[in-house]
């Protein structure tokens, strides 16, 4: 790798980031496509402007040895975006073989199992967050992005913003969830965030500008599920009628 190729790669990478943002892609997609270019750049010694079909075939074949098909597809889409919007070059179709689609029934968490999870979660902010996500039927990211103004108590609904497909939607707000969120807000009193981060402790929560850490939320849920003996993938919705204590 020469100094000129390194400089050229950095310039193109920054241009890639700008185009990703200008296209209005979701933050997770932006990070995935940016990671793809970093990983591909490392593999090809940062010389990725003239990749041939054999080179691409070798790269994706090697990637599949250590990563999932999901990672392969994200790197493929990220590189396609890079060629189209940064290099303004036609894409080389390498004809990846796709795995057969497997249809699996979702793991449904029962009310009893959900109650066990809530009771076993000792950190207040996580316990309230898990209850809210399950009772409203939200994805993890949707729950983390909730703000105080998204709660419409008068009409008993919640405004979910920037959901899948960059679409907003309204979901019913159970009375138990509303009551719990009101009591939880009295604890942290953040004027914007419904679930402020815990970095500054209780005193800093009212001034926090970012929500709970996604990794911390996921890791804690996995740990609690393991402690409860649950082996299900906790991604799906369960409606809960009982309210946990705070």
C-alpha atoms as a PDB file:
ATOM      1  CA  UNK A   1       0.000   0.000   0.000  1.00  0.00           C
ATOM      2  CA  UNK A   2       1.355   3.385  -1.011  1.00  0.00           C
ATOM      3  CA  UNK A   3       0.740   6.744   0.603  1.00  0.00           C
ATOM      4  CA  UNK A   4      -1.305   7.829  -2.414  1.00  0.00           C
ATOM      5  CA  UNK A   5      -3.562   4.746  -2.306  1.00  0.00           C
ATOM      6  CA  UNK A   6      -4.115   5.236   1.424  1.00  0.00           C
ATOM      7  CA  UNK A   7      -5.037   8.896   0.913  1.00  0.00           C
ATOM      8  CA  UNK A   8      -7.330   7.986  -1.968  1.00  0.00           C
ATOM      9  CA  UNK A   9      -9.094   5.354   0.137  1.00  0.00           C
ATOM     10  CA  UNK A  10      -9.643   7.772   3.025  1.00  0.00           C
ATOM     11  CA  UNK A  11     -11.010  10.395   0.644  1.00  0.00           C
ATOM     12  CA  UNK A  12     -13.415   7.905  -0.948  1.00  0.00           C
ATOM     13  CA  UNK A  13     -14.469   6.556   2.440  1.00  0.00           C
ATOM     14  CA  UNK A  14     -15.398  10.029   3.675  1.00  0.00           C
ATOM     15  CA  UNK A  15     -17.335  10.608   0.462  1.00  0.00           C
ATOM     16  CA  UNK A  16     -19.083   7.264   1.071  1.00  0.00           C
ATOM     17  CA  UNK A  17     -20.188   8.430   4.540  1.00  0.00           C
ATOM     18  CA  UNK A  18     -21.552  11.694   3.156  1.00  0.00           C
ATOM     19  CA  UNK A  19     -23.580   9.939   0.459  1.00  0.00           C
ATOM     20  CA  UNK A  20     -24.974   7.455   2.984  1.00  0.00           C
ATOM     21  CA  UNK A  21     -26.260  10.310   5.129  1.00  0.00           C
ATOM     22  CA  UNK A  22     -27.623  12.274   2.169  1.00  0.00           C
ATOM     23  CA  UNK A  23     -29.639   9.269   1.022  1.00  0.00           C
ATOM     24  CA  UNK A  24     -31.491   9.298   4.344  1.00  0.00           C
ATOM     25  CA  UNK A  25     -30.582   5.745   5.294  1.00  0.00           C
ATOM     26  CA  UNK A  26     -31.187   4.439   8.791  1.00  0.00           C
ATOM     27  CA  UNK A  27     -28.236   4.739  11.226  1.00  0.00           C
ATOM     28  CA  UNK A  28     -27.865   0.942  11.408  1.00  0.00           C
ATOM     29  CA  UNK A  29     -27.686   0.727   7.593  1.00  0.00           C
ATOM     30  CA  UNK A  30     -25.154   3.554   7.440  1.00  0.00           C
ATOM     31  CA  UNK A  31     -22.934   1.797   9.977  1.00  0.00           C
ATOM     32  CA  UNK A  32     -23.262  -1.548   8.142  1.00  0.00           C
ATOM     33  CA  UNK A  33     -22.371  -0.072   4.736  1.00  0.00           C
ATOM     34  CA  UNK A  34     -19.499   1.943   6.229  1.00  0.00           C
ATOM     35  CA  UNK A  35     -18.186  -1.168   8.010  1.00  0.00           C
ATOM     36  CA  UNK A  36     -18.357  -3.036   4.695  1.00  0.00           C
ATOM     37  CA  UNK A  37     -16.006  -0.566   3.008  1.00  0.00           C
ATOM     38  CA  UNK A  38     -13.597  -0.622   5.954  1.00  0.00           C
ATOM     39  CA  UNK A  39     -13.518  -4.423   5.934  1.00  0.00           C
ATOM     40  CA  UNK A  40     -13.175  -4.702   2.146  1.00  0.00           C
ATOM     41  CA  UNK A  41     -10.510  -1.996   2.160  1.00  0.00           C
ATOM     42  CA  UNK A  42      -8.494  -3.903   4.736  1.00  0.00           C
ATOM     43  CA  UNK A  43      -8.791  -7.125   2.714  1.00  0.00           C
ATOM     44  CA  UNK A  44      -7.567  -5.498  -0.511  1.00  0.00           C
ATOM     45  CA  UNK A  45      -4.936  -3.252   1.077  1.00  0.00           C
ATOM     46  CA  UNK A  46      -7.228  -0.221   0.543  1.00  0.00           C
ATOM     47  CA  UNK A  47      -7.198  -0.620  -3.246  1.00  0.00           C
ATOM     48  CA  UNK A  48     -10.851  -1.252  -4.048  1.00  0.00           C
ATOM     49  CA  UNK A  49     -11.637   1.024  -7.009  1.00  0.00           C
ATOM     50  CA  UNK A  50     -10.913  -1.568  -9.704  1.00  0.00           C
ATOM     51  CA  UNK A  51     -12.036  -4.889  -8.226  1.00  0.00           C
ATOM     52  CA  UNK A  52     -12.532  -7.735 -10.668  1.00  0.00           C
ATOM     53  CA  UNK A  53     -15.082 -10.547 -10.506  1.00  0.00           C
ATOM     54  CA  UNK A  54     -12.473 -13.130  -9.341  1.00  0.00           C
ATOM     55  CA  UNK A  55     -11.331 -10.760  -6.578  1.00  0.00           C
ATOM     56  CA  UNK A  56     -14.893 -10.214  -5.387  1.00  0.00           C
ATOM     57  CA  UNK A  57     -15.624 -13.919  -5.526  1.00  0.00           C
ATOM     58  CA  UNK A  58     -12.555 -14.642  -3.383  1.00  0.00           C
ATOM     59  CA  UNK A  59     -13.486 -11.942  -0.878  1.00  0.00           C
ATOM     60  CA  UNK A  60     -17.076 -13.028  -0.335  1.00  0.00           C
ATOM     61  CA  UNK A  61     -16.075 -16.683  -0.254  1.00  0.00           C
ATOM     62  CA  UNK A  62     -13.528 -15.962   2.488  1.00  0.00           C
ATOM     63  CA  UNK A  63     -15.993 -13.746   4.353  1.00  0.00           C
ATOM     64  CA  UNK A  64     -18.555 -16.536   4.452  1.00  0.00           C
ATOM     65  CA  UNK A  65     -16.027 -18.737   6.258  1.00  0.00           C
ATOM     66  CA  UNK A  66     -16.153 -16.492   9.328  1.00  0.00           C
ATOM     67  CA  UNK A  67     -19.388 -14.492   9.018  1.00  0.00           C
ATOM     68  CA  UNK A  68     -23.082 -15.081   8.416  1.00  0.00           C
ATOM     69  CA  UNK A  69     -24.953 -14.696   5.153  1.00  0.00           C
ATOM     70  CA  UNK A  70     -26.398 -11.524   6.606  1.00  0.00           C
ATOM     71  CA  UNK A  71     -22.897 -10.019   6.833  1.00  0.00           C
ATOM     72  CA  UNK A  72     -22.130 -11.150   3.286  1.00  0.00           C
ATOM     73  CA  UNK A  73     -25.241  -9.435   1.948  1.00  0.00           C
ATOM     74  CA  UNK A  74     -24.569  -6.227   3.870  1.00  0.00           C
ATOM     75  CA  UNK A  75     -21.005  -6.045   2.557  1.00  0.00           C
ATOM     76  CA  UNK A  76     -22.296  -6.716  -0.958  1.00  0.00           C
ATOM     77  CA  UNK A  77     -24.912  -3.960  -0.735  1.00  0.00           C
ATOM     78  CA  UNK A  78     -22.423  -1.581   0.873  1.00  0.00           C
ATOM     79  CA  UNK A  79     -19.903  -2.118  -1.927  1.00  0.00           C
ATOM     80  CA  UNK A  80     -22.610  -1.700  -4.581  1.00  0.00           C
ATOM     81  CA  UNK A  81     -23.544   1.623  -2.993  1.00  0.00           C
ATOM     82  CA  UNK A  82     -19.882   2.648  -2.945  1.00  0.00           C
ATOM     83  CA  UNK A  83     -19.428   1.880  -6.651  1.00  0.00           C
ATOM     84  CA  UNK A  84     -22.659   3.624  -7.654  1.00  0.00           C
ATOM     85  CA  UNK A  85     -22.457   6.814  -5.596  1.00  0.00           C
ATOM     86  CA  UNK A  86     -18.746   7.334  -4.899  1.00  0.00           C
ATOM     87  CA  UNK A  87     -16.927   5.828  -7.873  1.00  0.00           C
ATOM     88  CA  UNK A  88     -19.782   6.249 -10.383  1.00  0.00           C
ATOM     89  CA  UNK A  89     -18.855   2.942 -11.947  1.00  0.00           C
ATOM     90  CA  UNK A  90     -21.003   0.034 -13.142  1.00  0.00           C
ATOM     91  CA  UNK A  91     -21.242  -2.856 -10.728  1.00  0.00           C
ATOM     92  CA  UNK A  92     -19.630  -6.203 -11.523  1.00  0.00           C
ATOM     93  CA  UNK A  93     -22.313  -8.839 -11.008  1.00  0.00           C
ATOM     94  CA  UNK A  94     -20.594 -11.793  -9.360  1.00  0.00           C
ATOM     95  CA  UNK A  95     -23.735 -13.911  -9.038  1.00  0.00           C
ATOM     96  CA  UNK A  96     -23.524 -14.963  -5.408  1.00  0.00           C
ATOM     97  CA  UNK A  97     -25.288 -18.215  -4.573  1.00  0.00           C
ATOM     98  CA  UNK A  98     -27.937 -17.503  -1.969  1.00  0.00           C
ATOM     99  CA  UNK A  99     -28.833 -19.945   0.795  1.00  0.00           C
ATOM    100  CA  UNK A 100     -32.342 -21.443   0.733  1.00  0.00           C
ATOM    101  CA  UNK A 101     -34.863 -19.498   2.733  1.00  0.00           C
ATOM    102  CA  UNK A 102     -35.889 -21.198   5.919  1.00  0.00           C
ATOM    103  CA  UNK A 103     -39.232 -20.355   7.446  1.00  0.00           C
ATOM    104  CA  UNK A 104     -39.197 -20.665  11.199  1.00  0.00           C
ATOM    105  CA  UNK A 105     -41.964 -20.091  13.666  1.00  0.00           C
ATOM    106  CA  UNK A 106     -41.139 -17.271  16.084  1.00  0.00           C
ATOM    107  CA  UNK A 107     -40.410 -17.918  19.727  1.00  0.00           C
ATOM    108  CA  UNK A 108     -43.361 -16.510  21.655  1.00  0.00           C
ATOM    109  CA  UNK A 109     -42.681 -15.451  25.215  1.00  0.00           C
ATOM    110  CA  UNK A 110     -45.632 -16.291  27.447  1.00  0.00           C
ATOM    111  CA  UNK A 111     -47.042 -13.910  30.036  1.00  0.00           C
ATOM    112  CA  UNK A 112     -45.594 -16.051  32.819  1.00  0.00           C
ATOM    113  CA  UNK A 113     -42.137 -16.070  31.204  1.00  0.00           C
ATOM    114  CA  UNK A 114     -42.250 -12.319  30.699  1.00  0.00           C
ATOM    115  CA  UNK A 115     -43.166 -11.801  34.338  1.00  0.00           C
ATOM    116  CA  UNK A 116     -40.184 -13.890  35.380  1.00  0.00           C
ATOM    117  CA  UNK A 117     -37.911 -11.750  33.216  1.00  0.00           C
ATOM    118  CA  UNK A 118     -39.221  -8.520  34.690  1.00  0.00           C
ATOM    119  CA  UNK A 119     -38.951  -9.720  38.272  1.00  0.00           C
ATOM    120  CA  UNK A 120     -35.402 -11.008  37.687  1.00  0.00           C
ATOM    121  CA  UNK A 121     -34.235  -7.660  36.237  1.00  0.00           C
ATOM    122  CA  UNK A 122     -32.934  -5.700  39.208  1.00  0.00           C
ATOM    123  CA  UNK A 123     -31.824  -2.533  37.400  1.00  0.00           C
ATOM    124  CA  UNK A 124     -34.808  -0.186  37.395  1.00  0.00           C
ATOM    125  CA  UNK A 125     -34.271   1.445  33.998  1.00  0.00           C
ATOM    126  CA  UNK A 126     -33.832  -1.925  32.284  1.00  0.00           C
ATOM    127  CA  UNK A 127     -36.866  -3.426  34.009  1.00  0.00           C
ATOM    128  CA  UNK A 128     -39.126  -0.555  32.944  1.00  0.00           C
ATOM    129  CA  UNK A 129     -37.640  -0.590  29.442  1.00  0.00           C
ATOM    130  CA  UNK A 130     -38.259  -4.326  28.948  1.00  0.00           C
ATOM    131  CA  UNK A 131     -41.821  -4.001  30.215  1.00  0.00           C
ATOM    132  CA  UNK A 132     -42.493  -1.067  27.874  1.00  0.00           C
ATOM    133  CA  UNK A 133     -41.021  -2.757  24.805  1.00  0.00           C
ATOM    134  CA  UNK A 134     -42.988  -5.963  25.391  1.00  0.00           C
ATOM    135  CA  UNK A 135     -46.277  -4.330  26.305  1.00  0.00           C
ATOM    136  CA  UNK A 136     -46.174  -2.015  23.267  1.00  0.00           C
ATOM    137  CA  UNK A 137     -44.788  -4.603  20.842  1.00  0.00           C
ATOM    138  CA  UNK A 138     -41.710  -2.573  19.901  1.00  0.00           C
ATOM    139  CA  UNK A 139     -38.349  -3.371  18.414  1.00  0.00           C
ATOM    140  CA  UNK A 140     -35.392  -2.605  20.651  1.00  0.00           C
ATOM    141  CA  UNK A 141     -34.311   0.463  18.679  1.00  0.00           C
ATOM    142  CA  UNK A 142     -37.853   1.840  18.647  1.00  0.00           C
ATOM    143  CA  UNK A 143     -38.002   1.611  22.426  1.00  0.00           C
ATOM    144  CA  UNK A 144     -34.625   3.307  22.884  1.00  0.00           C
ATOM    145  CA  UNK A 145     -35.685   6.224  20.673  1.00  0.00           C
ATOM    146  CA  UNK A 146     -38.880   6.927  22.618  1.00  0.00           C
ATOM    147  CA  UNK A 147     -39.205  10.485  23.869  1.00  0.00           C
ATOM    148  CA  UNK A 148     -41.507  12.038  26.442  1.00  0.00           C
ATOM    149  CA  UNK A 149     -43.541  13.821  23.773  1.00  0.00           C
ATOM    150  CA  UNK A 150     -44.206  10.508  21.988  1.00  0.00           C
ATOM    151  CA  UNK A 151     -46.542   9.481  24.804  1.00  0.00           C
ATOM    152  CA  UNK A 152     -50.104  10.613  24.082  1.00  0.00           C
ATOM    153  CA  UNK A 153     -51.851   9.941  27.371  1.00  0.00           C
ATOM    154  CA  UNK A 154     -55.068  11.666  26.330  1.00  0.00           C
ATOM    155  CA  UNK A 155     -55.641   9.342  23.369  1.00  0.00           C
ATOM    156  CA  UNK A 156     -53.827   6.379  24.998  1.00  0.00           C
ATOM    157  CA  UNK A 157     -51.358   5.850  22.195  1.00  0.00           C
ATOM    158  CA  UNK A 158     -47.635   6.105  21.488  1.00  0.00           C
ATOM    159  CA  UNK A 159     -46.054   7.694  18.428  1.00  0.00           C
ATOM    160  CA  UNK A 160     -43.301   5.391  17.128  1.00  0.00           C
ATOM    161  CA  UNK A 161     -40.929   7.391  14.938  1.00  0.00           C
ATOM    162  CA  UNK A 162     -38.505   6.207  12.261  1.00  0.00           C
ATOM    163  CA  UNK A 163     -39.667   2.602  12.457  1.00  0.00           C
ATOM    164  CA  UNK A 164     -38.834  -0.039   9.871  1.00  0.00           C
ATOM    165  CA  UNK A 165     -38.852   1.431   6.387  1.00  0.00           C
ATOM    166  CA  UNK A 166     -38.460   4.983   7.801  1.00  0.00           C
ATOM    167  CA  UNK A 167     -42.171   4.982   8.629  1.00  0.00           C
ATOM    168  CA  UNK A 168     -43.943   6.299  11.712  1.00  0.00           C
ATOM    169  CA  UNK A 169     -46.823   4.468  13.351  1.00  0.00           C
ATOM    170  CA  UNK A 170     -49.145   4.726  16.332  1.00  0.00           C
ATOM    171  CA  UNK A 171     -49.557   1.901  18.848  1.00  0.00           C
ATOM    172  CA  UNK A 172     -52.088   1.543  21.678  1.00  0.00           C
ATOM    173  CA  UNK A 173     -50.882   2.540  25.139  1.00  0.00           C
ATOM    174  CA  UNK A 174     -52.076   0.198  27.915  1.00  0.00           C
ATOM    175  CA  UNK A 175     -53.026   1.889  31.166  1.00  0.00           C
ATOM    176  CA  UNK A 176     -50.506  -0.228  33.084  1.00  0.00           C
ATOM    177  CA  UNK A 177     -47.672   0.948  30.831  1.00  0.00           C
ATOM    178  CA  UNK A 178     -48.734   4.589  31.052  1.00  0.00           C
ATOM    179  CA  UNK A 179     -48.853   4.416  34.842  1.00  0.00           C
ATOM    180  CA  UNK A 180     -45.445   2.778  35.020  1.00  0.00           C
ATOM    181  CA  UNK A 181     -43.848   5.321  32.659  1.00  0.00           C
ATOM    182  CA  UNK A 182     -45.269   8.203  34.679  1.00  0.00           C
ATOM    183  CA  UNK A 183     -43.766   6.825  37.863  1.00  0.00           C
ATOM    184  CA  UNK A 184     -40.457   6.111  36.126  1.00  0.00           C
ATOM    185  CA  UNK A 185     -40.277   9.655  34.747  1.00  0.00           C
ATOM    186  CA  UNK A 186     -40.686  10.987  38.287  1.00  0.00           C
ATOM    187  CA  UNK A 187     -37.430   9.166  39.054  1.00  0.00           C
ATOM    188  CA  UNK A 188     -35.233  10.616  36.282  1.00  0.00           C
ATOM    189  CA  UNK A 189     -37.202  13.729  35.085  1.00  0.00           C
ATOM    190  CA  UNK A 190     -35.385  13.986  31.753  1.00  0.00           C
ATOM    191  CA  UNK A 191     -37.313  16.580  29.702  1.00  0.00           C
ATOM    192  CA  UNK A 192     -36.766  14.756  26.398  1.00  0.00           C
ATOM    193  CA  UNK A 193     -35.731  11.111  26.720  1.00  0.00           C
ATOM    194  CA  UNK A 194     -38.006   8.451  28.100  1.00  0.00           C
ATOM    195  CA  UNK A 195     -35.052   6.140  28.795  1.00  0.00           C
ATOM    196  CA  UNK A 196     -31.951   8.316  29.391  1.00  0.00           C
ATOM    197  CA  UNK A 197     -28.563   6.649  29.663  1.00  0.00           C
ATOM    198  CA  UNK A 198     -27.221   5.608  33.057  1.00  0.00           C
ATOM    199  CA  UNK A 199     -23.655   6.942  32.670  1.00  0.00           C
ATOM    200  CA  UNK A 200     -24.161   9.866  35.027  1.00  0.00           C
ATOM    201  CA  UNK A 201     -26.234   7.933  37.528  1.00  0.00           C
ATOM    202  CA  UNK A 202     -29.580   9.158  38.795  1.00  0.00           C
ATOM    203  CA  UNK A 203     -28.381  12.740  39.173  1.00  0.00           C
ATOM    204  CA  UNK A 204     -27.112  12.865  35.613  1.00  0.00           C
ATOM    205  CA  UNK A 205     -30.130  11.163  34.063  1.00  0.00           C
ATOM    206  CA  UNK A 206     -32.152  14.375  33.932  1.00  0.00           C
ATOM    207  CA  UNK A 207     -29.408  15.995  31.812  1.00  0.00           C
ATOM    208  CA  UNK A 208     -28.595  13.010  29.588  1.00  0.00           C
ATOM    209  CA  UNK A 209     -28.755  13.594  25.846  1.00  0.00           C
ATOM    210  CA  UNK A 210     -28.505   9.964  24.729  1.00  0.00           C
ATOM    211  CA  UNK A 211     -30.708   6.963  25.550  1.00  0.00           C
ATOM    212  CA  UNK A 212     -29.775   3.719  27.265  1.00  0.00           C
ATOM    213  CA  UNK A 213     -26.826   1.912  25.708  1.00  0.00           C
ATOM    214  CA  UNK A 214     -28.083  -0.652  23.202  1.00  0.00           C
ATOM    215  CA  UNK A 215     -25.344  -3.143  24.056  1.00  0.00           C
ATOM    216  CA  UNK A 216     -26.040  -2.885  27.768  1.00  0.00           C
ATOM    217  CA  UNK A 217     -29.750  -3.464  27.217  1.00  0.00           C
ATOM    218  CA  UNK A 218     -29.100  -6.552  25.089  1.00  0.00           C
ATOM    219  CA  UNK A 219     -26.419  -8.017  27.347  1.00  0.00           C
ATOM    220  CA  UNK A 220     -28.544  -7.594  30.459  1.00  0.00           C
ATOM    221  CA  UNK A 221     -31.562  -9.212  28.807  1.00  0.00           C
ATOM    222  CA  UNK A 222     -29.476 -12.209  27.723  1.00  0.00           C
ATOM    223  CA  UNK A 223     -28.094 -12.559  31.246  1.00  0.00           C
ATOM    224  CA  UNK A 224     -31.530 -12.331  32.860  1.00  0.00           C
ATOM    225  CA  UNK A 225     -32.986 -14.816  30.377  1.00  0.00           C
ATOM    226  CA  UNK A 226     -30.158 -17.225  31.141  1.00  0.00           C
ATOM    227  CA  UNK A 227     -30.734 -16.850  34.866  1.00  0.00           C
ATOM    228  CA  UNK A 228     -34.443 -17.569  34.325  1.00  0.00           C
ATOM    229  CA  UNK A 229     -33.658 -20.656  32.231  1.00  0.00           C
ATOM    230  CA  UNK A 230     -35.222 -19.225  29.055  1.00  0.00           C
ATOM    231  CA  UNK A 231     -33.652 -20.378  25.801  1.00  0.00           C
ATOM    232  CA  UNK A 232     -35.929 -18.443  23.456  1.00  0.00           C
ATOM    233  CA  UNK A 233     -34.728 -15.632  21.237  1.00  0.00           C
ATOM    234  CA  UNK A 234     -36.353 -12.639  22.883  1.00  0.00           C
ATOM    235  CA  UNK A 235     -37.389 -10.665  19.840  1.00  0.00           C
ATOM    236  CA  UNK A 236     -41.139 -11.005  19.686  1.00  0.00           C
ATOM    237  CA  UNK A 237     -44.087  -9.359  21.327  1.00  0.00           C
ATOM    238  CA  UNK A 238     -45.999 -10.391  24.393  1.00  0.00           C
ATOM    239  CA  UNK A 239     -48.846  -8.398  25.911  1.00  0.00           C
ATOM    240  CA  UNK A 240     -48.523  -8.062  29.657  1.00  0.00           C
ATOM    241  CA  UNK A 241     -51.364  -6.970  31.923  1.00  0.00           C
ATOM    242  CA  UNK A 242     -49.606  -6.893  35.283  1.00  0.00           C
ATOM    243  CA  UNK A 243     -47.378  -3.965  36.209  1.00  0.00           C
ATOM    244  CA  UNK A 244     -43.988  -4.567  37.848  1.00  0.00           C
ATOM    245  CA  UNK A 245     -43.112  -2.658  40.969  1.00  0.00           C
ATOM    246  CA  UNK A 246     -40.622   0.173  40.866  1.00  0.00           C
END
